[in-house]
Amino acid sequence: MKSSQKKQQANKGSKKANGMPLAKSNYLIISAGALVIAGSFWGMSIERQVDGFFALNVAPFLIIGAYLAIGFGILYRPEKDMPVNRSGSVSEQ
């Protein structure tokens, strides 16, 4: 492959990078995770007990789940970005 062809292929890939890095659904997932984290800490502050039920049993699982949701929101790619054949199946490229 000639170097000019390689440069053209590199330029085609860089055009996609100029847009928004994440889709609307990604931002919704990330914001939902952030709200759950804020709500969990708020719930623990309302309870005002270090060894209360919410602080020991509910909040840790909510917070860990919210951090996982934020990670998923960052890594998730919506299917609309994938090319689709006329038959409706996703093509592999």
Foldseek 3Di string as FASTA:
>chain_A
DDPVVVVVVVVVVVVVVVDDLADPQLVVLLVVLVVLLVVLVVVVVVVVDCPDCSNPPPSVVSNVVSVVSNVCSNVDDDPVPFDADPVGHTDDD
